[in-house]
PDB file of N, CA and C in Angstrom:
ATOM      1  N   MET A   1     -93.191 -52.151  26.881  1.00  0.00           N
ATOM      2  CA  MET A   1     -94.612 -51.904  26.952  1.00  0.00           C
ATOM      3  C   MET A   1     -95.176 -51.931  25.543  1.00  0.00           C
ATOM      4  N   PRO A   2     -96.164 -52.779  25.252  1.00  0.00           N
ATOM      5  CA  PRO A   2     -96.764 -52.772  23.914  1.00  0.00           C
ATOM      6  C   PRO A   2     -97.562 -51.497  23.706  1.00  0.00           C
ATOM      7  N   VAL A   3     -97.446 -50.942  22.533  1.00  0.00           N
ATOM      8  CA  VAL A   3     -98.116 -49.694  22.215  1.00  0.00           C
ATOM      9  C   VAL A   3     -99.315 -49.990  21.324  1.00  0.00           C
ATOM     10  N   PRO A   4    -100.530 -49.582  21.762  1.00  0.00           N
ATOM     11  CA  PRO A   4    -101.693 -49.753  20.894  1.00  0.00           C
ATOM     12  C   PRO A   4    -101.468 -48.987  19.602  1.00  0.00           C
ATOM     13  N   SER A   5    -101.889 -49.550  18.504  1.00  0.00           N
ATOM     14  CA  SER A   5    -101.603 -48.911  17.225  1.00  0.00           C
ATOM     15  C   SER A   5    -102.717 -47.957  16.817  1.00  0.00           C
ATOM     16  N   GLU A   6    -102.644 -46.748  17.340  1.00  0.00           N
ATOM     17  CA  GLU A   6    -103.556 -45.670  16.965  1.00  0.00           C
ATOM     18  C   GLU A   6    -102.745 -44.397  16.741  1.00  0.00           C
ATOM     19  N   PRO A   7    -101.871 -44.384  15.731  1.00  0.00           N
ATOM     20  CA  PRO A   7    -101.059 -43.186  15.524  1.00  0.00           C
ATOM     21  C   PRO A   7    -101.915 -42.014  15.061  1.00  0.00           C
ATOM     22  N   VAL A   8    -101.472 -40.836  15.406  1.00  0.00           N
ATOM     23  CA  VAL A   8    -102.158 -39.623  14.988  1.00  0.00           C
ATOM     24  C   VAL A   8    -101.633 -39.236  13.618  1.00  0.00           C
ATOM     25  N   THR A   9    -102.520 -38.879  12.707  1.00  0.00           N
ATOM     26  CA  THR A   9    -102.084 -38.331  11.429  1.00  0.00           C
ATOM     27  C   THR A   9    -102.229 -36.826  11.519  1.00  0.00           C
ATOM     28  N   LEU A  10    -101.170 -36.132  11.229  1.00  0.00           N
ATOM     29  CA  LEU A  10    -101.151 -34.684  11.348  1.00  0.00           C
ATOM     30  C   LEU A  10    -101.605 -34.057  10.036  1.00  0.00           C
ATOM     31  N   ALA A  11    -102.870 -33.641   9.975  1.00  0.00           N
ATOM     32  CA  ALA A  11    -103.403 -33.053   8.758  1.00  0.00           C
ATOM     33  C   ALA A  11    -103.986 -31.669   8.996  1.00  0.00           C
ATOM     34  N   ALA A  12    -103.904 -31.164  10.199  1.00  0.00           N
ATOM     35  CA  ALA A  12    -104.492 -29.874  10.553  1.00  0.00           C
ATOM     36  C   ALA A  12    -103.554 -28.727  10.173  1.00  0.00           C
ATOM     37  N   PRO A  13    -104.089 -27.487  10.138  1.00  0.00           N
ATOM     38  CA  PRO A  13    -103.212 -26.336   9.895  1.00  0.00           C
ATOM     39  C   PRO A  13    -102.105 -26.283  10.952  1.00  0.00           C
ATOM     40  N   GLY A  14    -100.891 -26.060  10.537  1.00  0.00           N
ATOM     41  CA  GLY A  14     -99.757 -26.029  11.453  1.00  0.00           C
ATOM     42  C   GLY A  14     -99.199 -27.410  11.738  1.00  0.00           C
ATOM     43  N   ALA A  15     -99.751 -28.429  11.082  1.00  0.00           N
ATOM     44  CA  ALA A  15     -99.347 -29.806  11.366  1.00  0.00           C
ATOM     45  C   ALA A  15     -97.886 -30.055  11.020  1.00  0.00           C
ATOM     46  N   GLU A  16     -97.398 -29.458   9.949  1.00  0.00           N
ATOM     47  CA  GLU A  16     -96.003 -29.655   9.568  1.00  0.00           C
ATOM     48  C   GLU A  16     -95.069 -29.127  10.653  1.00  0.00           C
ATOM     49  N   THR A  17     -95.406 -27.979  11.203  1.00  0.00           N
ATOM     50  CA  THR A  17     -94.616 -27.406  12.292  1.00  0.00           C
ATOM     51  C   THR A  17     -94.686 -28.297  13.520  1.00  0.00           C
ATOM     52  N   CYS A  18     -95.876 -28.830  13.808  1.00  0.00           N
ATOM     53  CA  CYS A  18     -96.023 -29.740  14.943  1.00  0.00           C
ATOM     54  C   CYS A  18     -95.182 -30.995  14.749  1.00  0.00           C
ATOM     55  N   LEU A  19     -95.091 -31.462  13.534  1.00  0.00           N
ATOM     56  CA  LEU A  19     -94.281 -32.643  13.252  1.00  0.00           C
ATOM     57  C   LEU A  19     -92.799 -32.355  13.494  1.00  0.00           C
ATOM     58  N   VAL A  20     -92.345 -31.175  13.126  1.00  0.00           N
ATOM     59  CA  VAL A  20     -90.942 -30.791  13.353  1.00  0.00           C
ATOM     60  C   VAL A  20     -90.629 -30.821  14.845  1.00  0.00           C
ATOM     61  N   VAL A  21     -91.473 -30.201  15.670  1.00  0.00           N
ATOM     62  CA  VAL A  21     -91.191 -30.173  17.111  1.00  0.00           C
ATOM     63  C   VAL A  21     -91.416 -31.537  17.748  1.00  0.00           C
ATOM     64  N   ALA A  22     -92.327 -32.332  17.202  1.00  0.00           N
ATOM     65  CA  ALA A  22     -92.530 -33.687  17.721  1.00  0.00           C
ATOM     66  C   ALA A  22     -91.282 -34.528  17.483  1.00  0.00           C
ATOM     67  N   ARG A  23     -90.682 -34.389  16.305  1.00  0.00           N
ATOM     68  CA  ARG A  23     -89.432 -35.102  16.020  1.00  0.00           C
ATOM     69  C   ARG A  23     -88.316 -34.652  16.957  1.00  0.00           C
ATOM     70  N   LEU A  24     -88.249 -33.346  17.181  1.00  0.00           N
ATOM     71  CA  LEU A  24     -87.227 -32.797  18.069  1.00  0.00           C
ATOM     72  C   LEU A  24     -87.422 -33.312  19.494  1.00  0.00           C
ATOM     73  N   ALA A  25     -88.641 -33.287  19.992  1.00  0.00           N
ATOM     74  CA  ALA A  25     -88.925 -33.772  21.353  1.00  0.00           C
ATOM     75  C   ALA A  25     -88.665 -35.269  21.455  1.00  0.00           C
ATOM     76  N   ALA A  26     -89.013 -36.011  20.420  1.00  0.00           N
ATOM     77  CA  ALA A  26     -88.768 -37.456  20.421  1.00  0.00           C
ATOM     78  C   ALA A  26     -87.273 -37.745  20.524  1.00  0.00           C
ATOM     79  N   ALA A  27     -86.487 -37.047  19.729  1.00  0.00           N
ATOM     80  CA  ALA A  27     -85.033 -37.251  19.750  1.00  0.00           C
ATOM     81  C   ALA A  27     -84.444 -36.824  21.099  1.00  0.00           C
ATOM     82  N   ALA A  28     -84.925 -35.703  21.642  1.00  0.00           N
ATOM     83  CA  ALA A  28     -84.373 -35.178  22.887  1.00  0.00           C
ATOM     84  C   ALA A  28     -84.719 -36.051  24.090  1.00  0.00           C
ATOM     85  N   THR A  29     -85.848 -36.736  24.036  1.00  0.00           N
ATOM     86  CA  THR A  29     -86.289 -37.537  25.182  1.00  0.00           C
ATOM     87  C   THR A  29     -86.100 -39.030  24.970  1.00  0.00           C
ATOM     88  N   ASP A  30     -85.632 -39.408  23.786  1.00  0.00           N
ATOM     89  CA  ASP A  30     -85.437 -40.813  23.431  1.00  0.00           C
ATOM     90  C   ASP A  30     -86.751 -41.603  23.495  1.00  0.00           C
ATOM     91  N   ILE A  31     -87.828 -40.954  23.065  1.00  0.00           N
ATOM     92  CA  ILE A  31     -89.143 -41.586  22.948  1.00  0.00           C
ATOM     93  C   ILE A  31     -89.425 -41.704  21.450  1.00  0.00           C
ATOM     94  N   PRO A  32     -89.870 -42.855  20.969  1.00  0.00           N
ATOM     95  CA  PRO A  32     -90.172 -42.984  19.537  1.00  0.00           C
ATOM     96  C   PRO A  32     -91.214 -41.953  19.085  1.00  0.00           C
ATOM     97  N   LEU A  33     -91.009 -41.415  17.896  1.00  0.00           N
ATOM     98  CA  LEU A  33     -91.923 -40.410  17.348  1.00  0.00           C
ATOM     99  C   LEU A  33     -93.362 -40.920  17.342  1.00  0.00           C
ATOM    100  N   SER A  34     -93.550 -42.190  17.011  1.00  0.00           N
ATOM    101  CA  SER A  34     -94.905 -42.743  16.967  1.00  0.00           C
ATOM    102  C   SER A  34     -95.597 -42.649  18.318  1.00  0.00           C
ATOM    103  N   GLN A  35     -94.833 -42.716  19.401  1.00  0.00           N
ATOM    104  CA  GLN A  35     -95.423 -42.607  20.732  1.00  0.00           C
ATOM    105  C   GLN A  35     -95.673 -41.158  21.123  1.00  0.00           C
ATOM    106  N   VAL A  36     -94.814 -40.245  20.662  1.00  0.00           N
ATOM    107  CA  VAL A  36     -95.048 -38.819  20.919  1.00  0.00           C
ATOM    108  C   VAL A  36     -96.331 -38.377  20.219  1.00  0.00           C
ATOM    109  N   LEU A  37     -96.576 -38.920  19.037  1.00  0.00           N
ATOM    110  CA  LEU A  37     -97.751 -38.531  18.247  1.00  0.00           C
ATOM    111  C   LEU A  37     -98.962 -39.434  18.472  1.00  0.00           C
ATOM    112  N   HIS A  38     -98.858 -40.362  19.386  1.00  0.00           N
ATOM    113  CA  HIS A  38     -99.921 -41.338  19.586  1.00  0.00           C
ATOM    114  C   HIS A  38    -101.228 -40.685  20.027  1.00  0.00           C
ATOM    115  N   ALA A  39    -102.340 -41.257  19.584  1.00  0.00           N
ATOM    116  CA  ALA A  39    -103.665 -40.723  19.914  1.00  0.00           C
ATOM    117  C   ALA A  39    -103.978 -40.855  21.399  1.00  0.00           C
ATOM    118  N   ARG A  40    -103.407 -41.856  22.050  1.00  0.00           N
ATOM    119  CA  ARG A  40    -103.628 -42.047  23.487  1.00  0.00           C
ATOM    120  C   ARG A  40    -102.485 -41.448  24.279  1.00  0.00           C
ATOM    121  N   ARG A  41    -102.723 -41.258  25.555  1.00  0.00           N
ATOM    122  CA  ARG A  41    -101.724 -40.675  26.444  1.00  0.00           C
ATOM    123  C   ARG A  41    -100.485 -41.564  26.561  1.00  0.00           C
ATOM    124  N   LEU A  42    -100.684 -42.872  26.647  1.00  0.00           N
ATOM    125  CA  LEU A  42     -99.633 -43.856  26.905  1.00  0.00           C
ATOM    126  C   LEU A  42     -99.063 -43.625  28.305  1.00  0.00           C
ATOM    127  N   ASP A  43     -97.753 -43.790  28.492  1.00  0.00           N
ATOM    128  CA  ASP A  43     -97.199 -43.637  29.842  1.00  0.00           C
ATOM    129  C   ASP A  43     -96.736 -42.197  30.084  1.00  0.00           C
ATOM    130  N   ARG A  44     -96.263 -41.971  31.287  1.00  0.00           N
ATOM    131  CA  ARG A  44     -95.870 -40.623  31.707  1.00  0.00           C
ATOM    132  C   ARG A  44     -94.743 -40.052  30.841  1.00  0.00           C
ATOM    133  N   ARG A  45     -93.770 -40.886  30.483  1.00  0.00           N
ATOM    134  CA  ARG A  45     -92.651 -40.403  29.663  1.00  0.00           C
ATOM    135  C   ARG A  45     -93.124 -39.941  28.291  1.00  0.00           C
ATOM    136  N   CYS A  46     -94.040 -40.694  27.690  1.00  0.00           N
ATOM    137  CA  CYS A  46     -94.586 -40.316  26.372  1.00  0.00           C
ATOM    138  C   CYS A  46     -95.387 -39.025  26.482  1.00  0.00           C
ATOM    139  N   ALA A  47     -96.206 -38.933  27.518  1.00  0.00           N
ATOM    140  CA  ALA A  47     -97.009 -37.732  27.724  1.00  0.00           C
ATOM    141  C   ALA A  47     -96.120 -36.513  27.974  1.00  0.00           C
ATOM    142  N   SER A  48     -95.020 -36.695  28.694  1.00  0.00           N
ATOM    143  CA  SER A  48     -94.097 -35.582  28.957  1.00  0.00           C
ATOM    144  C   SER A  48     -93.387 -35.134  27.682  1.00  0.00           C
ATOM    145  N   ALA A  49     -92.991 -36.090  26.861  1.00  0.00           N
ATOM    146  CA  ALA A  49     -92.350 -35.746  25.584  1.00  0.00           C
ATOM    147  C   ALA A  49     -93.336 -34.996  24.696  1.00  0.00           C
ATOM    148  N   ARG A  50     -94.581 -35.432  24.676  1.00  0.00           N
ATOM    149  CA  ARG A  50     -95.624 -34.766  23.888  1.00  0.00           C
ATOM    150  C   ARG A  50     -95.874 -33.353  24.425  1.00  0.00           C
ATOM    151  N   ALA A  51     -95.902 -33.224  25.755  1.00  0.00           N
ATOM    152  CA  ALA A  51     -96.091 -31.901  26.372  1.00  0.00           C
ATOM    153  C   ALA A  51     -94.955 -30.961  25.960  1.00  0.00           C
ATOM    154  N   LEU A  52     -93.738 -31.478  25.955  1.00  0.00           N
ATOM    155  CA  LEU A  52     -92.585 -30.683  25.541  1.00  0.00           C
ATOM    156  C   LEU A  52     -92.737 -30.237  24.089  1.00  0.00           C
ATOM    157  N   ALA A  53     -93.166 -31.143  23.234  1.00  0.00           N
ATOM    158  CA  ALA A  53     -93.356 -30.801  21.814  1.00  0.00           C
ATOM    159  C   ALA A  53     -94.431 -29.728  21.653  1.00  0.00           C
ATOM    160  N   MET A  54     -95.530 -29.874  22.377  1.00  0.00           N
ATOM    161  CA  MET A  54     -96.609 -28.882  22.282  1.00  0.00           C
ATOM    162  C   MET A  54     -96.138 -27.521  22.801  1.00  0.00           C
ATOM    163  N   TYR A  55     -95.364 -27.533  23.877  1.00  0.00           N
ATOM    164  CA  TYR A  55     -94.794 -26.305  24.430  1.00  0.00           C
ATOM    165  C   TYR A  55     -93.897 -25.621  23.400  1.00  0.00           C
ATOM    166  N   LEU A  56     -93.035 -26.393  22.769  1.00  0.00           N
ATOM    167  CA  LEU A  56     -92.131 -25.827  21.766  1.00  0.00           C
ATOM    168  C   LEU A  56     -92.911 -25.224  20.600  1.00  0.00           C
ATOM    169  N   ALA A  57     -93.958 -25.916  20.170  1.00  0.00           N
ATOM    170  CA  ALA A  57     -94.771 -25.396  19.061  1.00  0.00           C
ATOM    171  C   ALA A  57     -95.414 -24.071  19.433  1.00  0.00           C
ATOM    172  N   HIS A  58     -95.928 -23.990  20.652  1.00  0.00           N
ATOM    173  CA  HIS A  58     -96.632 -22.768  21.064  1.00  0.00           C
ATOM    174  C   HIS A  58     -95.670 -21.648  21.471  1.00  0.00           C
ATOM    175  N   VAL A  59     -94.746 -21.944  22.366  1.00  0.00           N
ATOM    176  CA  VAL A  59     -93.892 -20.894  22.938  1.00  0.00           C
ATOM    177  C   VAL A  59     -92.742 -20.522  22.004  1.00  0.00           C
ATOM    178  N   ALA A  60     -92.007 -21.509  21.534  1.00  0.00           N
ATOM    179  CA  ALA A  60     -90.831 -21.208  20.708  1.00  0.00           C
ATOM    180  C   ALA A  60     -91.219 -20.765  19.308  1.00  0.00           C
ATOM    181  N   LEU A  61     -92.270 -21.374  18.754  1.00  0.00           N
ATOM    182  CA  LEU A  61     -92.620 -21.094  17.356  1.00  0.00           C
ATOM    183  C   LEU A  61     -93.851 -20.213  17.201  1.00  0.00           C
ATOM    184  N   GLY A  62     -94.516 -19.922  18.295  1.00  0.00           N
ATOM    185  CA  GLY A  62     -95.619 -18.967  18.259  1.00  0.00           C
ATOM    186  C   GLY A  62     -96.917 -19.464  17.639  1.00  0.00           C
ATOM    187  N   LEU A  63     -97.080 -20.775  17.499  1.00  0.00           N
ATOM    188  CA  LEU A  63     -98.357 -21.282  16.984  1.00  0.00           C
ATOM    189  C   LEU A  63     -99.442 -21.067  18.034  1.00  0.00           C
ATOM    190  N   PRO A  64    -100.613 -20.628  17.629  1.00  0.00           N
ATOM    191  CA  PRO A  64    -101.715 -20.502  18.597  1.00  0.00           C
ATOM    192  C   PRO A  64    -102.053 -21.869  19.191  1.00  0.00           C
ATOM    193  N   MET A  65    -102.498 -21.872  20.432  1.00  0.00           N
ATOM    194  CA  MET A  65    -102.816 -23.137  21.103  1.00  0.00           C
ATOM    195  C   MET A  65    -103.853 -23.955  20.337  1.00  0.00           C
ATOM    196  N   THR A  66    -104.779 -23.300  19.683  1.00  0.00           N
ATOM    197  CA  THR A  66    -105.791 -24.048  18.927  1.00  0.00           C
ATOM    198  C   THR A  66    -105.153 -24.802  17.762  1.00  0.00           C
ATOM    199  N   ARG A  67    -104.157 -24.199  17.126  1.00  0.00           N
ATOM    200  CA  ARG A  67    -103.443 -24.885  16.032  1.00  0.00           C
ATOM    201  C   ARG A  67    -102.582 -26.019  16.558  1.00  0.00           C
ATOM    202  N   VAL A  68    -101.929 -25.787  17.686  1.00  0.00           N
ATOM    203  CA  VAL A  68    -101.118 -26.842  18.290  1.00  0.00           C
ATOM    204  C   VAL A  68    -102.032 -28.011  18.663  1.00  0.00           C
ATOM    205  N   ALA A  69    -103.161 -27.705  19.260  1.00  0.00           N
ATOM    206  CA  ALA A  69    -104.121 -28.750  19.644  1.00  0.00           C
ATOM    207  C   ALA A  69    -104.559 -29.547  18.423  1.00  0.00           C
ATOM    208  N   ALA A  70    -104.900 -28.863  17.362  1.00  0.00           N
ATOM    209  CA  ALA A  70    -105.328 -29.554  16.142  1.00  0.00           C
ATOM    210  C   ALA A  70    -104.178 -30.370  15.558  1.00  0.00           C
ATOM    211  N   GLY A  71    -102.973 -29.824  15.580  1.00  0.00           N
ATOM    212  CA  GLY A  71    -101.812 -30.511  15.038  1.00  0.00           C
ATOM    213  C   GLY A  71    -101.463 -31.791  15.779  1.00  0.00           C
ATOM    214  N   PHE A  72    -101.757 -31.826  17.072  1.00  0.00           N
ATOM    215  CA  PHE A  72    -101.455 -33.010  17.879  1.00  0.00           C
ATOM    216  C   PHE A  72    -102.696 -33.854  18.168  1.00  0.00           C
ATOM    217  N   GLY A  73    -103.833 -33.455  17.620  1.00  0.00           N
ATOM    218  CA  GLY A  73    -105.053 -34.219  17.854  1.00  0.00           C
ATOM    219  C   GLY A  73    -105.513 -34.168  19.295  1.00  0.00           C
ATOM    220  N   ARG A  74    -105.325 -33.020  19.929  1.00  0.00           N
ATOM    221  CA  ARG A  74    -105.683 -32.833  21.332  1.00  0.00           C
ATOM    222  C   ARG A  74    -106.627 -31.639  21.467  1.00  0.00           C
ATOM    223  N   HIS A  75    -107.136 -31.448  22.662  1.00  0.00           N
ATOM    224  CA  HIS A  75    -107.982 -30.295  22.968  1.00  0.00           C
ATOM    225  C   HIS A  75    -107.088 -29.130  23.374  1.00  0.00           C
ATOM    226  N   ARG A  76    -107.563 -27.921  23.139  1.00  0.00           N
ATOM    227  CA  ARG A  76    -106.782 -26.732  23.483  1.00  0.00           C
ATOM    228  C   ARG A  76    -106.404 -26.710  24.963  1.00  0.00           C
ATOM    229  N   SER A  77    -107.292 -27.164  25.830  1.00  0.00           N
ATOM    230  CA  SER A  77    -106.997 -27.168  27.267  1.00  0.00           C
ATOM    231  C   SER A  77    -105.837 -28.111  27.592  1.00  0.00           C
ATOM    232  N   THR A  78    -105.667 -29.156  26.808  1.00  0.00           N
ATOM    233  CA  THR A  78    -104.543 -30.079  26.996  1.00  0.00           C
ATOM    234  C   THR A  78    -103.228 -29.377  26.673  1.00  0.00           C
ATOM    235  N   VAL A  79    -103.243 -28.580  25.617  1.00  0.00           N
ATOM    236  CA  VAL A  79    -102.048 -27.810  25.250  1.00  0.00           C
ATOM    237  C   VAL A  79    -101.736 -26.790  26.338  1.00  0.00           C
ATOM    238  N   ALA A  80    -102.745 -26.117  26.841  1.00  0.00           N
ATOM    239  CA  ALA A  80    -102.542 -25.128  27.905  1.00  0.00           C
ATOM    240  C   ALA A  80    -101.942 -25.796  29.144  1.00  0.00           C
ATOM    241  N   HIS A  81    -102.463 -26.958  29.489  1.00  0.00           N
ATOM    242  CA  HIS A  81    -101.948 -27.696  30.647  1.00  0.00           C
ATOM    243  C   HIS A  81    -100.487 -28.106  30.416  1.00  0.00           C
ATOM    244  N   ALA A  82    -100.191 -28.589  29.226  1.00  0.00           N
ATOM    245  CA  ALA A  82     -98.819 -28.991  28.892  1.00  0.00           C
ATOM    246  C   ALA A  82     -97.867 -27.799  29.007  1.00  0.00           C
ATOM    247  N   CYS A  83     -98.276 -26.667  28.487  1.00  0.00           N
ATOM    248  CA  CYS A  83     -97.427 -25.468  28.540  1.00  0.00           C
ATOM    249  C   CYS A  83     -97.189 -25.031  29.986  1.00  0.00           C
ATOM    250  N   ARG A  84     -98.227 -25.098  30.809  1.00  0.00           N
ATOM    251  CA  ARG A  84     -98.055 -24.747  32.227  1.00  0.00           C
ATOM    252  C   ARG A  84     -97.073 -25.696  32.903  1.00  0.00           C
ATOM    253  N   ARG A  85     -97.193 -26.990  32.630  1.00  0.00           N
ATOM    254  CA  ARG A  85     -96.301 -27.985  33.244  1.00  0.00           C
ATOM    255  C   ARG A  85     -94.847 -27.721  32.877  1.00  0.00           C
ATOM    256  N   ILE A  86     -94.601 -27.478  31.601  1.00  0.00           N
ATOM    257  CA  ILE A  86     -93.218 -27.233  31.160  1.00  0.00           C
ATOM    258  C   ILE A  86     -92.712 -25.928  31.751  1.00  0.00           C
ATOM    259  N   GLU A  87     -93.536 -24.895  31.733  1.00  0.00           N
ATOM    260  CA  GLU A  87     -93.134 -23.582  32.257  1.00  0.00           C
ATOM    261  C   GLU A  87     -92.819 -23.654  33.753  1.00  0.00           C
ATOM    262  N   GLU A  88     -93.600 -24.386  34.517  1.00  0.00           N
ATOM    263  CA  GLU A  88     -93.343 -24.535  35.954  1.00  0.00           C
ATOM    264  C   GLU A  88     -91.988 -25.181  36.210  1.00  0.00           C
ATOM    265  N   ARG A  89     -91.617 -26.136  35.375  1.00  0.00           N
ATOM    266  CA  ARG A  89     -90.330 -26.817  35.549  1.00  0.00           C
ATOM    267  C   ARG A  89     -89.151 -25.933  35.157  1.00  0.00           C
ATOM    268  N   ARG A  90     -89.400 -24.846  34.456  1.00  0.00           N
ATOM    269  CA  ARG A  90     -88.304 -23.977  34.023  1.00  0.00           C
ATOM    270  C   ARG A  90     -87.655 -23.239  35.185  1.00  0.00           C
ATOM    271  N   GLU A  91     -88.218 -23.356  36.376  1.00  0.00           N
ATOM    272  CA  GLU A  91     -87.589 -22.795  37.583  1.00  0.00           C
ATOM    273  C   GLU A  91     -86.292 -23.529  37.908  1.00  0.00           C
ATOM    274  N   ILE A  92     -86.176 -24.750  37.411  1.00  0.00           N
ATOM    275  CA  ILE A  92     -84.979 -25.567  37.635  1.00  0.00           C
ATOM    276  C   ILE A  92     -83.947 -25.173  36.573  1.00  0.00           C
ATOM    277  N   ALA A  93     -82.786 -24.707  37.023  1.00  0.00           N
ATOM    278  CA  ALA A  93     -81.785 -24.136  36.110  1.00  0.00           C
ATOM    279  C   ALA A  93     -81.394 -25.081  34.976  1.00  0.00           C
ATOM    280  N   GLY A  94     -81.086 -26.311  35.272  1.00  0.00           N
ATOM    281  CA  GLY A  94     -80.682 -27.258  34.236  1.00  0.00           C
ATOM    282  C   GLY A  94     -81.792 -27.506  33.228  1.00  0.00           C
ATOM    283  N   TRP A  95     -83.008 -27.636  33.716  1.00  0.00           N
ATOM    284  CA  TRP A  95     -84.160 -27.846  32.832  1.00  0.00           C
ATOM    285  C   TRP A  95     -84.381 -26.603  31.969  1.00  0.00           C
ATOM    286  N   ASP A  96     -84.229 -25.422  32.548  1.00  0.00           N
ATOM    287  CA  ASP A  96     -84.414 -24.181  31.795  1.00  0.00           C
ATOM    288  C   ASP A  96     -83.413 -24.096  30.644  1.00  0.00           C
ATOM    289  N   ARG A  97     -82.153 -24.424  30.897  1.00  0.00           N
ATOM    290  CA  ARG A  97     -81.138 -24.406  29.835  1.00  0.00           C
ATOM    291  C   ARG A  97     -81.459 -25.435  28.752  1.00  0.00           C
ATOM    292  N   TYR A  98     -81.908 -26.605  29.167  1.00  0.00           N
ATOM    293  CA  TYR A  98     -82.274 -27.680  28.244  1.00  0.00           C
ATOM    294  C   TYR A  98     -83.418 -27.238  27.327  1.00  0.00           C
ATOM    295  N   VAL A  99     -84.455 -26.672  27.914  1.00  0.00           N
ATOM    296  CA  VAL A  99     -85.613 -26.227  27.127  1.00  0.00           C
ATOM    297  C   VAL A  99     -85.233 -25.046  26.233  1.00  0.00           C
ATOM    298  N   ALA A 100     -84.418 -24.131  26.745  1.00  0.00           N
ATOM    299  CA  ALA A 100     -83.972 -22.990  25.935  1.00  0.00           C
ATOM    300  C   ALA A 100     -83.203 -23.477  24.700  1.00  0.00           C
ATOM    301  N   ALA A 101     -82.356 -24.480  24.888  1.00  0.00           N
ATOM    302  CA  ALA A 101     -81.609 -25.036  23.749  1.00  0.00           C
ATOM    303  C   ALA A 101     -82.565 -25.691  22.746  1.00  0.00           C
ATOM    304  N   LEU A 102     -83.580 -26.389  23.245  1.00  0.00           N
ATOM    305  CA  LEU A 102     -84.568 -26.999  22.353  1.00  0.00           C
ATOM    306  C   LEU A 102     -85.385 -25.939  21.612  1.00  0.00           C
ATOM    307  N   GLU A 103     -85.693 -24.842  22.293  1.00  0.00           N
ATOM    308  CA  GLU A 103     -86.398 -23.739  21.627  1.00  0.00           C
ATOM    309  C   GLU A 103     -85.561 -23.195  20.469  1.00  0.00           C
ATOM    310  N   ASP A 104     -84.265 -23.005  20.720  1.00  0.00           N
ATOM    311  CA  ASP A 104     -83.366 -22.536  19.656  1.00  0.00           C
ATOM    312  C   ASP A 104     -83.326 -23.534  18.500  1.00  0.00           C
ATOM    313  N   ASP A 105     -83.239 -24.812  18.831  1.00  0.00           N
ATOM    314  CA  ASP A 105     -83.228 -25.854  17.797  1.00  0.00           C
ATOM    315  C   ASP A 105     -84.524 -25.836  16.993  1.00  0.00           C
ATOM    316  N   ALA A 106     -85.647 -25.694  17.675  1.00  0.00           N
ATOM    317  CA  ALA A 106     -86.949 -25.677  16.994  1.00  0.00           C
ATOM    318  C   ALA A 106     -87.029 -24.504  16.020  1.00  0.00           C
ATOM    319  N   ARG A 107     -86.582 -23.339  16.460  1.00  0.00           N
ATOM    320  CA  ARG A 107     -86.596 -22.162  15.578  1.00  0.00           C
ATOM    321  C   ARG A 107     -85.690 -22.370  14.371  1.00  0.00           C
ATOM    322  N   ARG A 108     -84.511 -22.910  14.631  1.00  0.00           N
ATOM    323  CA  ARG A 108     -83.546 -23.146  13.554  1.00  0.00           C
ATOM    324  C   ARG A 108     -84.097 -24.174  12.547  1.00  0.00           C
ATOM    325  N   LEU A 109     -84.688 -25.247  13.052  1.00  0.00           N
ATOM    326  CA  LEU A 109     -85.233 -26.278  12.174  1.00  0.00           C
ATOM    327  C   LEU A 109     -86.386 -25.761  11.327  1.00  0.00           C
ATOM    328  N   THR A 110     -87.254 -24.968  11.915  1.00  0.00           N
ATOM    329  CA  THR A 110     -88.393 -24.464  11.137  1.00  0.00           C
ATOM    330  C   THR A 110     -87.948 -23.397  10.145  1.00  0.00           C
ATOM    331  N   LEU A 111     -86.940 -22.617  10.506  1.00  0.00           N
ATOM    332  CA  LEU A 111     -86.411 -21.631   9.559  1.00  0.00           C
ATOM    333  C   LEU A 111     -85.760 -22.318   8.374  1.00  0.00           C
ATOM    334  N   SER A 112     -84.968 -23.358   8.652  1.00  0.00           N
ATOM    335  CA  SER A 112     -84.309 -24.056   7.541  1.00  0.00           C
ATOM    336  C   SER A 112     -85.322 -24.810   6.692  1.00  0.00           C
ATOM    337  N   ALA A 113     -86.378 -25.326   7.304  1.00  0.00           N
ATOM    338  CA  ALA A 113     -87.421 -26.022   6.537  1.00  0.00           C
ATOM    339  C   ALA A 113     -88.176 -25.047   5.642  1.00  0.00           C
ATOM    340  N   SER A 114     -88.483 -23.863   6.169  1.00  0.00           N
ATOM    341  CA  SER A 114     -89.209 -22.887   5.347  1.00  0.00           C
ATOM    342  C   SER A 114     -88.316 -22.294   4.271  1.00  0.00           C
ATOM    343  N   ALA A 115     -87.028 -22.148   4.556  1.00  0.00           N
ATOM    344  CA  ALA A 115     -86.095 -21.644   3.544  1.00  0.00           C
ATOM    345  C   ALA A 115     -85.937 -22.675   2.422  1.00  0.00           C
ATOM    346  N   GLY A 116     -85.904 -23.944   2.804  1.00  0.00           N
ATOM    347  CA  GLY A 116     -85.802 -25.008   1.806  1.00  0.00           C
ATOM    348  C   GLY A 116     -87.035 -25.075   0.937  1.00  0.00           C
ATOM    349  N   GLY A 117     -88.207 -24.857   1.548  1.00  0.00           N
ATOM    350  CA  GLY A 117     -89.454 -24.867   0.789  1.00  0.00           C
ATOM    351  C   GLY A 117     -89.577 -23.663  -0.116  1.00  0.00           C
ATOM    352  N   ALA A 118     -88.976 -22.544   0.285  1.00  0.00           N
ATOM    353  CA  ALA A 118     -89.059 -21.330  -0.539  1.00  0.00           C
ATOM    354  C   ALA A 118     -88.202 -21.458  -1.791  1.00  0.00           C
ATOM    355  N   ARG A 119     -87.115 -22.237  -1.685  1.00  0.00           N
ATOM    356  CA  ARG A 119     -86.225 -22.410  -2.838  1.00  0.00           C
ATOM    357  C   ARG A 119     -86.846 -23.316  -3.896  1.00  0.00           C
ATOM    358  N   GLY A 120     -87.536 -24.364  -3.435  1.00  0.00           N
ATOM    359  CA  GLY A 120     -87.996 -25.389  -4.374  1.00  0.00           C
ATOM    360  C   GLY A 120     -89.319 -25.104  -4.861  1.00  0.00           C
TER     361      GLY A 120
END
């Protein structure tokens, strides 16, 4: 599928954190980072990977929904919808374990990134 070239540039507060979880979601879902961060919805798989990234930013890392929305170039209601979708799927045991592992990874990655920034 050709992807329209309208990548999102993450320049909002919390954008660095959003980029970390976007990379994690991209790797976990095998969706290119450029598509996870794309300004348009694209297909269902891209939108689901983006929803997962937004969920991780809000739930695992505690970013307010308004910051997550700004970081992904979306509206706050889009982030709320994404979080509800991911949370509803957590009723499925395998999905819950998968998301829990990604939450742990997100926390670990942001801690190591902030520790690295504190040293330099």
